[in-house]
C-alpha atoms as a PDB file:
ATOM      1  CA  MET A   1      -4.067  -4.331 -16.851  1.00  0.00           C
ATOM      2  CA  ASN A   2      -3.372  -0.863 -15.707  1.00  0.00           C
ATOM      3  CA  GLU A   3      -6.188   1.077 -17.372  1.00  0.00           C
ATOM      4  CA  PHE A   4      -7.395   4.197 -15.352  1.00  0.00           C
ATOM      5  CA  GLU A   5     -10.864   4.946 -15.108  1.00  0.00           C
ATOM      6  CA  ILE A   6     -12.588   7.991 -13.003  1.00  0.00           C
ATOM      7  CA  ILE A   7     -15.938   7.355 -11.503  1.00  0.00           C
ATOM      8  CA  THR A   8     -18.211  10.321 -11.489  1.00  0.00           C
ATOM      9  CA  GLU A   9     -21.642   9.297 -10.339  1.00  0.00           C
ATOM     10  CA  LYS A  10     -23.705  12.194  -9.712  1.00  0.00           C
ATOM     11  CA  THR A  11     -27.193  10.840  -9.238  1.00  0.00           C
ATOM     12  CA  ALA A  12     -27.137  10.760  -5.533  1.00  0.00           C
ATOM     13  CA  ASN A  13     -24.941  11.591  -2.441  1.00  0.00           C
ATOM     14  CA  PHE A  14     -24.587   7.976  -1.366  1.00  0.00           C
ATOM     15  CA  LYS A  15     -25.206   4.460  -2.624  1.00  0.00           C
ATOM     16  CA  ALA A  16     -24.422   0.893  -1.671  1.00  0.00           C
ATOM     17  CA  PHE A  17     -23.777  -2.045  -4.063  1.00  0.00           C
ATOM     18  CA  ILE A  18     -22.046  -5.493  -4.117  1.00  0.00           C
ATOM     19  CA  ASN A  19     -19.544  -6.004  -6.941  1.00  0.00           C
ATOM     20  CA  VAL A  20     -18.194  -9.553  -7.655  1.00  0.00           C
ATOM     21  CA  LEU A  21     -14.922  -9.041  -8.970  1.00  0.00           C
ATOM     22  CA  LYS A  22     -11.561 -10.679  -9.905  1.00  0.00           C
ATOM     23  CA  TYR A  23      -9.973  -7.217 -10.911  1.00  0.00           C
ATOM     24  CA  ARG A  24     -10.737  -3.774 -10.967  1.00  0.00           C
ATOM     25  CA  ALA A  25      -8.705  -1.303 -13.176  1.00  0.00           C
ATOM     26  CA  PRO A  26      -6.994   1.556 -11.472  1.00  0.00           C
ATOM     27  CA  HIS A  27      -9.645   4.376 -11.033  1.00  0.00           C
ATOM     28  CA  LEU A  28     -10.526   7.614  -8.814  1.00  0.00           C
ATOM     29  CA  HIS A  29     -13.755   8.529  -7.245  1.00  0.00           C
ATOM     30  CA  ALA A  30     -14.894  12.029  -6.076  1.00  0.00           C
ATOM     31  CA  GLU A  31     -16.514  10.197  -3.162  1.00  0.00           C
ATOM     32  CA  PHE A  32     -15.365   8.527  -0.018  1.00  0.00           C
ATOM     33  CA  GLU A  33     -15.419   4.773  -0.622  1.00  0.00           C
ATOM     34  CA  LEU A  34     -15.869   1.964   2.177  1.00  0.00           C
ATOM     35  CA  ALA A  35     -15.393  -1.603   0.958  1.00  0.00           C
ATOM     36  CA  LEU A  36     -16.165  -4.780   3.031  1.00  0.00           C
ATOM     37  CA  VAL A  37     -14.957  -8.122   1.948  1.00  0.00           C
ATOM     38  CA  LEU A  38     -17.782 -10.437   2.110  1.00  0.00           C
ATOM     39  CA  TYR A  39     -15.625 -13.692   1.308  1.00  0.00           C
ATOM     40  CA  GLY A  40     -12.305 -14.444   0.045  1.00  0.00           C
ATOM     41  CA  GLU A  41      -8.990 -12.428  -0.198  1.00  0.00           C
ATOM     42  CA  LEU A  42      -8.564  -9.020  -1.805  1.00  0.00           C
ATOM     43  CA  LEU A  43      -5.331  -6.976  -2.937  1.00  0.00           C
ATOM     44  CA  VAL A  44      -5.909  -3.211  -2.765  1.00  0.00           C
ATOM     45  CA  THR A  45      -3.239  -0.960  -4.237  1.00  0.00           C
ATOM     46  CA  LEU A  46      -3.150   2.531  -3.401  1.00  0.00           C
ATOM     47  CA  ASP A  47      -0.596   4.480  -5.336  1.00  0.00           C
ATOM     48  CA  LYS A  48       2.556   2.383  -4.789  1.00  0.00           C
ATOM     49  CA  LYS A  49       1.413   0.474  -1.652  1.00  0.00           C
ATOM     50  CA  SER A  50      -0.774  -2.824  -1.518  1.00  0.00           C
ATOM     51  CA  TYR A  51      -2.931  -4.039   1.262  1.00  0.00           C
ATOM     52  CA  LYS A  52      -4.130  -7.423   1.654  1.00  0.00           C
ATOM     53  CA  LEU A  53      -7.687  -7.834   2.976  1.00  0.00           C
ATOM     54  CA  SER A  54      -9.479 -10.948   3.995  1.00  0.00           C
ATOM     55  CA  THR A  55     -13.007 -11.944   4.774  1.00  0.00           C
ATOM     56  CA  GLY A  56     -14.422  -9.390   6.990  1.00  0.00           C
ATOM     57  CA  ASP A  57     -11.895  -6.519   6.623  1.00  0.00           C
ATOM     58  CA  ILE A  58     -13.087  -3.151   5.806  1.00  0.00           C
ATOM     59  CA  ILE A  59     -11.007  -0.434   4.018  1.00  0.00           C
ATOM     60  CA  CYS A  60     -11.760   3.326   3.739  1.00  0.00           C
ATOM     61  CA  LEU A  61     -10.555   5.271   0.642  1.00  0.00           C
ATOM     62  CA  ASN A  62     -10.359   9.067   0.356  1.00  0.00           C
ATOM     63  CA  PRO A  63     -11.935  10.909  -2.559  1.00  0.00           C
ATOM     64  CA  PHE A  64      -9.431  11.178  -5.629  1.00  0.00           C
ATOM     65  CA  VAL A  65      -7.011   8.368  -4.472  1.00  0.00           C
ATOM     66  CA  LEU A  66      -6.023   6.288  -7.242  1.00  0.00           C
ATOM     67  CA  HIS A  67      -6.639   2.629  -6.334  1.00  0.00           C
ATOM     68  CA  GLU A  68      -6.628  -0.849  -8.027  1.00  0.00           C
ATOM     69  CA  LEU A  69      -8.461  -4.122  -6.735  1.00  0.00           C
ATOM     70  CA  SER A  70      -7.223  -7.692  -7.618  1.00  0.00           C
ATOM     71  CA  SER A  71      -7.721 -11.441  -6.569  1.00  0.00           C
ATOM     72  CA  THR A  72      -7.066 -14.931  -7.719  1.00  0.00           C
ATOM     73  CA  MET A  73     -10.699 -15.724  -7.697  1.00  0.00           C
ATOM     74  CA  ASN A  74     -14.174 -13.833  -7.929  1.00  0.00           C
ATOM     75  CA  VAL A  75     -14.753 -12.042  -4.736  1.00  0.00           C
ATOM     76  CA  PRO A  76     -17.844 -10.287  -3.449  1.00  0.00           C
ATOM     77  CA  ILE A  77     -17.247  -6.879  -2.118  1.00  0.00           C
ATOM     78  CA  LEU A  78     -19.868  -4.628  -0.456  1.00  0.00           C
ATOM     79  CA  PHE A  79     -19.107  -1.018  -1.202  1.00  0.00           C
ATOM     80  CA  ILE A  80     -20.385   2.305   0.051  1.00  0.00           C
ATOM     81  CA  GLN A  81     -19.750   5.389  -1.797  1.00  0.00           C
ATOM     82  CA  VAL A  82     -20.504   9.025  -0.054  1.00  0.00           C
ATOM     83  CA  SER A  83     -20.038  12.144  -1.663  1.00  0.00           C
ATOM     84  CA  PRO A  84     -18.614  15.089   0.451  1.00  0.00           C
ATOM     85  CA  SER A  85     -21.458  16.900  -0.508  1.00  0.00           C
ATOM     86  CA  PHE A  86     -23.640  14.731   1.679  1.00  0.00           C
ATOM     87  CA  PHE A  87     -22.082  16.592   4.802  1.00  0.00           C
ATOM     88  CA  LYS A  88     -22.462  19.999   3.204  1.00  0.00           C
ATOM     89  CA  ASN A  89     -24.997  21.345   5.393  1.00  0.00           C
ATOM     90  CA  THR A  90     -23.902  19.490   8.664  1.00  0.00           C
ATOM     91  CA  VAL A  91     -20.274  18.908   8.526  1.00  0.00           C
ATOM     92  CA  PRO A  92     -19.105  21.005   5.618  1.00  0.00           C
ATOM     93  CA  MET A  93     -15.346  20.310   6.631  1.00  0.00           C
ATOM     94  CA  MET A  94     -15.752  16.634   5.518  1.00  0.00           C
ATOM     95  CA  LYS A  95     -14.877  17.585   2.039  1.00  0.00           C
ATOM     96  CA  ASN A  96     -11.313  18.542   3.677  1.00  0.00           C
ATOM     97  CA  ILE A  97     -10.936  15.415   5.465  1.00  0.00           C
ATOM     98  CA  ASP A  98      -8.183  13.131   4.380  1.00  0.00           C
ATOM     99  CA  PHE A  99      -7.688   9.788   6.410  1.00  0.00           C
ATOM    100  CA  LEU A 100      -4.139   8.779   6.988  1.00  0.00           C
ATOM    101  CA  GLU A 101      -1.998   5.854   7.524  1.00  0.00           C
ATOM    102  CA  THR A 102      -3.245   2.184   6.646  1.00  0.00           C
ATOM    103  CA  PRO A 103      -7.039   2.596   5.844  1.00  0.00           C
ATOM    104  CA  ILE A 104      -7.826  -0.934   6.975  1.00  0.00           C
ATOM    105  CA  ILE A 105     -10.277  -1.905   9.843  1.00  0.00           C
ATOM    106  CA  GLY A 106     -10.016  -5.545  10.652  1.00  0.00           C
ATOM    107  CA  LYS A 107     -11.619  -7.895  13.246  1.00  0.00           C
ATOM    108  CA  SER A 108      -8.342  -7.303  15.594  1.00  0.00           C
ATOM    109  CA  ASP A 109      -9.622  -3.864  15.943  1.00  0.00           C
ATOM    110  CA  SER A 110     -12.229  -5.425  18.331  1.00  0.00           C
ATOM    111  CA  LYS A 111     -14.737  -2.781  19.502  1.00  0.00           C
ATOM    112  CA  ALA A 112     -14.197  -0.192  16.638  1.00  0.00           C
ATOM    113  CA  TYR A 113     -14.365  -2.931  14.028  1.00  0.00           C
ATOM    114  CA  GLY A 114     -17.744  -4.344  15.532  1.00  0.00           C
ATOM    115  CA  LEU A 115     -19.163  -0.709  15.732  1.00  0.00           C
ATOM    116  CA  ILE A 116     -18.105   0.293  12.229  1.00  0.00           C
ATOM    117  CA  ARG A 117     -19.214  -3.094  10.610  1.00  0.00           C
ATOM    118  CA  GLU A 118     -22.536  -2.781  12.257  1.00  0.00           C
ATOM    119  CA  LYS A 119     -23.259   0.646  10.837  1.00  0.00           C
ATOM    120  CA  PHE A 120     -21.718  -0.487   7.643  1.00  0.00           C
ATOM    121  CA  ILE A 121     -24.279  -3.277   7.128  1.00  0.00           C
ATOM    122  CA  GLU A 122     -27.085  -1.420   8.471  1.00  0.00           C
ATOM    123  CA  PHE A 123     -26.768   1.225   6.010  1.00  0.00           C
ATOM    124  CA  ALA A 124     -26.403  -1.234   3.194  1.00  0.00           C
ATOM    125  CA  MET A 125     -29.574  -3.482   4.197  1.00  0.00           C
ATOM    126  CA  LEU A 126     -31.555  -0.045   4.316  1.00  0.00           C
ATOM    127  CA  PHE A 127     -30.313   0.996   0.881  1.00  0.00           C
ATOM    128  CA  PHE A 128     -31.007  -2.419  -0.729  1.00  0.00           C
ATOM    129  CA  LYS A 129     -34.599  -2.817   0.757  1.00  0.00           C
ATOM    130  CA  GLN A 130     -35.416   0.910  -0.244  1.00  0.00           C
ATOM    131  CA  GLU A 131     -38.441   0.747   2.072  1.00  0.00           C
ATOM    132  CA  LYS A 132     -40.694   3.674   2.871  1.00  0.00           C
ATOM    133  CA  GLY A 133     -38.554   6.325   4.511  1.00  0.00           C
ATOM    134  CA  PHE A 134     -35.201   4.583   3.865  1.00  0.00           C
ATOM    135  CA  ALA A 135     -33.507   7.780   2.634  1.00  0.00           C
ATOM    136  CA  LEU A 136     -33.933   9.469   6.246  1.00  0.00           C
ATOM    137  CA  ARG A 137     -32.873   6.338   7.705  1.00  0.00           C
ATOM    138  CA  CYS A 138     -29.786   5.995   5.476  1.00  0.00           C
ATOM    139  CA  ASN A 139     -28.740   9.525   6.227  1.00  0.00           C
ATOM    140  CA  GLY A 140     -28.957   8.878   9.905  1.00  0.00           C
ATOM    141  CA  VAL A 141     -26.883   5.652   9.968  1.00  0.00           C
ATOM    142  CA  LEU A 142     -24.480   6.995   7.480  1.00  0.00           C
ATOM    143  CA  SER A 143     -23.852  10.110   9.791  1.00  0.00           C
ATOM    144  CA  LEU A 144     -23.272   7.629  12.690  1.00  0.00           C
ATOM    145  CA  LEU A 145     -21.086   5.434  10.558  1.00  0.00           C
ATOM    146  CA  PHE A 146     -18.740   8.527   9.704  1.00  0.00           C
ATOM    147  CA  ALA A 147     -18.645   9.505  13.245  1.00  0.00           C
ATOM    148  CA  GLU A 148     -17.195   6.254  14.226  1.00  0.00           C
ATOM    149  CA  LEU A 149     -14.628   6.401  11.269  1.00  0.00           C
ATOM    150  CA  LEU A 150     -13.408   9.818  12.514  1.00  0.00           C
ATOM    151  CA  ASP A 151     -13.132   8.536  16.070  1.00  0.00           C
ATOM    152  CA  TYR A 152     -11.253   5.525  15.132  1.00  0.00           C
ATOM    153  CA  LEU A 153      -8.971   6.477  12.111  1.00  0.00           C
ATOM    154  CA  PRO A 154      -6.252   9.384  12.155  1.00  0.00           C
ATOM    155  CA  TYR A 155      -6.897  12.127   9.587  1.00  0.00           C
ATOM    156  CA  LYS A 156      -5.737  15.481   8.939  1.00  0.00           C
ATOM    157  CA  ILE A 157      -7.662  18.565   7.320  1.00  0.00           C
ATOM    158  CA  VAL A 158      -6.641  19.637   3.902  1.00  0.00           C
ATOM    159  CA  SER A 159      -6.900  22.920   2.627  1.00  0.00           C
ATOM    160  CA  SER A 160      -9.734  24.173   0.263  1.00  0.00           C
ATOM    161  CA  GLN A 161      -6.890  24.954  -2.241  1.00  0.00           C
ATOM    162  CA  ASP A 162      -5.648  21.350  -1.962  1.00  0.00           C
ATOM    163  CA  TYR A 163      -8.979  19.933  -2.505  1.00  0.00           C
ATOM    164  CA  LEU A 164      -9.473  21.954  -5.750  1.00  0.00           C
ATOM    165  CA  ASN A 165      -5.894  20.700  -6.765  1.00  0.00           C
ATOM    166  CA  ASN A 166      -6.881  17.200  -6.314  1.00  0.00           C
ATOM    167  CA  GLN A 167      -9.943  17.782  -8.411  1.00  0.00           C
ATOM    168  CA  THR A 168      -7.872  19.398 -11.179  1.00  0.00           C
ATOM    169  CA  LYS A 169      -5.335  16.559 -11.193  1.00  0.00           C
ATOM    170  CA  ALA A 170      -8.194  13.990 -11.227  1.00  0.00           C
ATOM    171  CA  ARG A 171      -9.660  15.764 -14.419  1.00  0.00           C
ATOM    172  CA  ARG A 172      -6.137  15.631 -16.212  1.00  0.00           C
ATOM    173  CA  ILE A 173      -5.674  11.943 -15.508  1.00  0.00           C
ATOM    174  CA  LYS A 174      -9.120  11.310 -16.837  1.00  0.00           C
ATOM    175  CA  ARG A 175      -8.299  13.213 -20.104  1.00  0.00           C
ATOM    176  CA  ILE A 176      -4.746  11.391 -20.368  1.00  0.00           C
ATOM    177  CA  ALA A 177      -6.222   7.919 -19.873  1.00  0.00           C
ATOM    178  CA  GLU A 178      -9.123   8.500 -22.533  1.00  0.00           C
ATOM    179  CA  TYR A 179      -6.898   9.927 -24.969  1.00  0.00           C
ATOM    180  CA  ILE A 180      -4.691   6.940 -24.841  1.00  0.00           C
ATOM    181  CA  ASP A 181      -7.531   4.426 -24.837  1.00  0.00           C
ATOM    182  CA  ARG A 182      -8.937   6.166 -28.003  1.00  0.00           C
ATOM    183  CA  ASN A 183      -5.458   6.291 -29.922  1.00  0.00           C
ATOM    184  CA  TYR A 184      -3.290   3.359 -28.720  1.00  0.00           C
ATOM    185  CA  GLN A 185      -4.010   1.547 -32.069  1.00  0.00           C
ATOM    186  CA  GLY A 186      -1.973   4.195 -33.840  1.00  0.00           C
ATOM    187  CA  LYS A 187       1.206   5.984 -33.412  1.00  0.00           C
ATOM    188  CA  ILE A 188       1.056   7.752 -30.194  1.00  0.00           C
ATOM    189  CA  CYS A 189       3.872   9.773 -28.207  1.00  0.00           C
ATOM    190  CA  LEU A 190       4.477  11.650 -25.208  1.00  0.00           C
ATOM    191  CA  SER A 191       4.402  14.897 -27.245  1.00  0.00           C
ATOM    192  CA  ASP A 192       0.777  14.142 -28.075  1.00  0.00           C
ATOM    193  CA  LEU A 193      -0.160  14.262 -24.561  1.00  0.00           C
ATOM    194  CA  ALA A 194       1.984  17.462 -23.797  1.00  0.00           C
ATOM    195  CA  LYS A 195      -0.037  18.985 -26.699  1.00  0.00           C
ATOM    196  CA  LEU A 196      -3.479  17.808 -25.215  1.00  0.00           C
ATOM    197  CA  GLU A 197      -2.666  19.387 -21.842  1.00  0.00           C
ATOM    198  CA  ASN A 198      -0.887  22.416 -23.366  1.00  0.00           C
ATOM    199  CA  VAL A 199       2.501  21.787 -21.199  1.00  0.00           C
ATOM    200  CA  THR A 200       5.902  20.631 -21.932  1.00  0.00           C
ATOM    201  CA  GLU A 201       6.823  17.071 -22.461  1.00  0.00           C
ATOM    202  CA  THR A 202       9.218  17.117 -19.543  1.00  0.00           C
ATOM    203  CA  HIS A 203       6.297  18.325 -17.413  1.00  0.00           C
ATOM    204  CA  ILE A 204       4.048  15.763 -18.705  1.00  0.00           C
ATOM    205  CA  SER A 205       6.465  13.026 -18.246  1.00  0.00           C
ATOM    206  CA  HIS A 206       6.772  13.900 -14.731  1.00  0.00           C
ATOM    207  CA  PHE A 207       3.194  14.103 -14.117  1.00  0.00           C
ATOM    208  CA  PHE A 208       2.361  10.719 -15.915  1.00  0.00           C
ATOM    209  CA  THR A 209       5.054   8.955 -13.793  1.00  0.00           C
ATOM    210  CA  GLU A 210       3.921  10.434 -10.425  1.00  0.00           C
ATOM    211  CA  ASN A 211       0.281   9.620 -10.906  1.00  0.00           C
ATOM    212  CA  PHE A 212       0.449   6.431 -13.114  1.00  0.00           C
ATOM    213  CA  HIS A 213       3.397   5.162 -11.315  1.00  0.00           C
ATOM    214  CA  ILE A 214       4.948   3.751 -14.308  1.00  0.00           C
ATOM    215  CA  THR A 215       6.398   5.631 -17.480  1.00  0.00           C
ATOM    216  CA  PHE A 216       4.221   6.469 -20.419  1.00  0.00           C
ATOM    217  CA  GLN A 217       5.801   3.844 -22.686  1.00  0.00           C
ATOM    218  CA  GLN A 218       5.210   1.041 -20.019  1.00  0.00           C
ATOM    219  CA  TYR A 219       1.740   1.953 -19.734  1.00  0.00           C
ATOM    220  CA  LEU A 220       1.060   1.951 -23.394  1.00  0.00           C
ATOM    221  CA  MET A 221       2.721  -1.214 -23.563  1.00  0.00           C
ATOM    222  CA  LYS A 222       0.555  -2.827 -20.871  1.00  0.00           C
ATOM    223  CA  LEU A 223      -2.569  -1.365 -22.496  1.00  0.00           C
ATOM    224  CA  ARG A 224      -1.745  -2.883 -25.740  1.00  0.00           C
ATOM    225  CA  CYS A 225      -0.879  -6.182 -24.411  1.00  0.00           C
ATOM    226  CA  GLU A 226      -4.044  -6.405 -22.600  1.00  0.00           C
ATOM    227  CA  LYS A 227      -6.024  -5.542 -25.786  1.00  0.00           C
ATOM    228  CA  ALA A 228      -4.218  -8.323 -27.418  1.00  0.00           C
ATOM    229  CA  ARG A 229      -4.789 -10.796 -24.759  1.00  0.00           C
ATOM    230  CA  SER A 230      -8.401 -10.209 -24.865  1.00  0.00           C
ATOM    231  CA  LEU A 231      -8.315 -10.814 -28.797  1.00  0.00           C
ATOM    232  CA  LEU A 232      -6.282 -13.779 -28.304  1.00  0.00           C
ATOM    233  CA  LEU A 233      -8.941 -15.486 -26.114  1.00  0.00           C
ATOM    234  CA  THR A 234     -12.098 -14.299 -27.834  1.00  0.00           C
ATOM    235  CA  THR A 235     -11.318 -14.192 -31.514  1.00  0.00           C
ATOM    236  CA  ASN A 236      -9.541 -16.560 -34.134  1.00  0.00           C
ATOM    237  CA  LEU A 237      -7.573 -13.596 -35.668  1.00  0.00           C
ATOM    238  CA  PRO A 238      -3.997 -14.463 -36.501  1.00  0.00           C
ATOM    239  CA  LEU A 239      -1.162 -12.901 -34.664  1.00  0.00           C
ATOM    240  CA  ILE A 240      -0.240 -10.475 -37.515  1.00  0.00           C
ATOM    241  CA  ASP A 241      -3.796  -9.099 -37.439  1.00  0.00           C
ATOM    242  CA  ILE A 242      -3.805  -8.880 -33.367  1.00  0.00           C
ATOM    243  CA  SER A 243      -0.568  -6.947 -33.696  1.00  0.00           C
ATOM    244  CA  VAL A 244      -1.490  -4.334 -36.154  1.00  0.00           C
ATOM    245  CA  THR A 245      -5.066  -3.952 -34.401  1.00  0.00           C
ATOM    246  CA  CYS A 246      -3.375  -3.323 -31.072  1.00  0.00           C
ATOM    247  CA  GLY A 247      -0.908  -1.045 -32.297  1.00  0.00           C
ATOM    248  CA  PHE A 248       2.237  -3.200 -32.522  1.00  0.00           C
ATOM    249  CA  SER A 249       4.157  -2.372 -35.730  1.00  0.00           C
ATOM    250  CA  ASP A 250       5.388  -5.969 -35.977  1.00  0.00           C
ATOM    251  CA  PRO A 251       4.415  -9.268 -34.231  1.00  0.00           C
ATOM    252  CA  LYS A 252       7.911  -9.462 -32.666  1.00  0.00           C
ATOM    253  CA  TYR A 253       7.088  -6.645 -30.539  1.00  0.00           C
ATOM    254  CA  LEU A 254       4.002  -8.160 -29.408  1.00  0.00           C
ATOM    255  CA  ASN A 255       5.981 -11.187 -28.437  1.00  0.00           C
ATOM    256  CA  SER A 256       8.259  -9.360 -26.536  1.00  0.00           C
ATOM    257  CA  GLY A 257       5.917  -7.377 -24.705  1.00  0.00           C
ATOM    258  CA  PHE A 258       3.629 -10.285 -24.065  1.00  0.00           C
ATOM    259  CA  ILE A 259       6.548 -12.292 -22.492  1.00  0.00           C
ATOM    260  CA  LYS A 260       7.289  -9.280 -20.118  1.00  0.00           C
ATOM    261  CA  GLN A 261       3.661  -8.878 -19.216  1.00  0.00           C
ATOM    262  CA  TYR A 262       2.445 -12.404 -18.830  1.00  0.00           C
ATOM    263  CA  GLY A 263       5.737 -14.575 -18.942  1.00  0.00           C
ATOM    264  CA  VAL A 264       4.632 -16.668 -22.195  1.00  0.00           C
ATOM    265  CA  LEU A 265       4.403 -16.015 -25.853  1.00  0.00           C
ATOM    266  CA  PRO A 266       0.979 -14.961 -27.234  1.00  0.00           C
ATOM    267  CA  LYS A 267       0.555 -18.296 -29.291  1.00  0.00           C
ATOM    268  CA  GLU A 268       1.353 -20.220 -26.210  1.00  0.00           C
ATOM    269  CA  TYR A 269      -1.133 -18.292 -24.057  1.00  0.00           C
ATOM    270  CA  ARG A 270      -3.798 -19.031 -26.632  1.00  0.00           C
ATOM    271  CA  LYS A 271      -2.856 -22.661 -27.103  1.00  0.00           C
ATOM    272  CA  SER A 272      -3.248 -22.995 -23.127  1.00  0.00           C
ATOM    273  CA  PHE A 273      -6.738 -22.602 -23.489  1.00  0.00           C
ATOM    274  CA  GLY A 274      -7.359 -24.780 -26.352  1.00  0.00           C
ATOM    275  CA  ASP A 275     -10.838 -25.718 -26.889  1.00  0.00           C
ATOM    276  CA  SER A 276     -12.043 -24.485 -23.618  1.00  0.00           C
ATOM    277  CA  LYS A 277     -15.492 -22.793 -23.137  1.00  0.00           C
ATOM    278  CA  LEU A 278     -15.755 -18.998 -23.989  1.00  0.00           C
ATOM    279  CA  GLU A 279     -16.761 -18.583 -20.405  1.00  0.00           C
ATOM    280  CA  LEU A 280     -13.642 -20.023 -18.975  1.00  0.00           C
ATOM    281  CA  GLN A 281     -11.688 -17.844 -21.356  1.00  0.00           C
ATOM    282  CA  GLN A 282     -13.372 -14.792 -20.483  1.00  0.00           C
ATOM    283  CA  SER A 283     -13.223 -15.433 -16.824  1.00  0.00           C
ATOM    284  CA  SER A 284      -9.448 -15.463 -17.243  1.00  0.00           C
ATOM    285  CA  LEU A 285      -9.341 -11.800 -18.292  1.00  0.00           C
ATOM    286  CA  LEU A 286      -8.297  -9.344 -15.622  1.00  0.00           C
ATOM    287  CA  SER A 287     -11.296  -6.932 -16.101  1.00  0.00           C
ATOM    288  CA  THR A 288     -13.826  -9.319 -14.700  1.00  0.00           C
ATOM    289  CA  GLN A 289     -16.601  -7.808 -12.412  1.00  0.00           C
ATOM    290  CA  GLN A 290     -20.167  -7.860 -11.980  1.00  0.00           C
ATOM    291  CA  ILE A 291     -22.285  -5.461 -10.049  1.00  0.00           C
ATOM    292  CA  LEU A 292     -25.357  -7.150  -8.468  1.00  0.00           C
ATOM    293  CA  SER A 293     -28.829  -5.926  -8.294  1.00  0.00           C
ATOM    294  CA  ASN A 294     -30.242  -4.619  -5.149  1.00  0.00           C
ATOM    295  CA  LYS A 295     -32.394  -7.780  -4.575  1.00  0.00           C
ATOM    296  CA  THR A 296     -29.370 -10.179  -5.234  1.00  0.00           C
ATOM    297  CA  SER A 297     -27.283  -7.937  -3.015  1.00  0.00           C
ATOM    298  CA  LEU A 298     -29.550  -8.123  -0.308  1.00  0.00           C
ATOM    299  CA  ALA A 299     -29.998 -12.030  -0.329  1.00  0.00           C
ATOM    300  CA  LEU A 300     -25.996 -12.384  -0.570  1.00  0.00           C
ATOM    301  CA  LEU A 301     -25.694  -9.935   2.264  1.00  0.00           C
ATOM    302  CA  GLN A 302     -28.131 -11.535   4.558  1.00  0.00           C
ATOM    303  CA  ARG A 303     -26.238 -14.980   3.998  1.00  0.00           C
ATOM    304  CA  SER A 304     -23.010 -13.409   5.013  1.00  0.00           C
ATOM    305  CA  ILE A 305     -24.487 -12.026   8.139  1.00  0.00           C
ATOM    306  CA  ASP A 306     -26.149 -15.518   8.774  1.00  0.00           C
ATOM    307  CA  LEU A 307     -22.761 -17.426   8.499  1.00  0.00           C
ATOM    308  CA  ASP A 308     -21.138 -14.943  10.936  1.00  0.00           C
END
């Protein structure tokens, strides 16, 4: 499902967490984000490009870059998010840093990979333990980690105006996505988005396609089909009720859209799960993720280190 979400966590300049996920809807961060795949394989889609990561691979994402995460199984991923404001007093230009090219650091990168992974894990361990003085130690390790990234990854310096433009664009994407999510059950048109943003239909159409990478109608169909898919698996509602609830004026439009999205009719999709347990049904949904507690994250990370 191509729902868009913008994460705007403001409680700290940095954080670490482990997310066990099968799918993470397209979203934006105002922070730099580093991700380390602990086990399994992960597909990361940035704009129109997709990158396949395997166990041990690291990816570095710039602020305000739209990205989507998916896998065929639940994959534990260690994340670090760092606000550019973390560097405000020491390296203020960091908010203007834009890493270039393929942002993946793999085992084949030998020395660079080893140094970056070492600091990555050291920071996460400190953050999860949160022992006395951990904030000071996190600051030091994080600075060394980004020093390694700047040595290894090519980057450019974007202007302050471009940085502000990216913020403005992210806020518009957030408003549009939230508006559609609130109104998909009824009649909703491109003109509604134009009115929301006080621009012409032509302008909002180009903006939508450029940033969501599909047309408004394609996005709306995907959203409605995903909402219908959830109801098919978790309720006993008849198709006519699901159609109306999800914004389809007639079940035939649900059928045609569902076939395009998932390759089967809605009734066949529901039947394929039969009397399976609700847990199995829910695990089939794309929006599957679980953020672990610091204690559980620490244990899982330690296990990953021990198995290296």
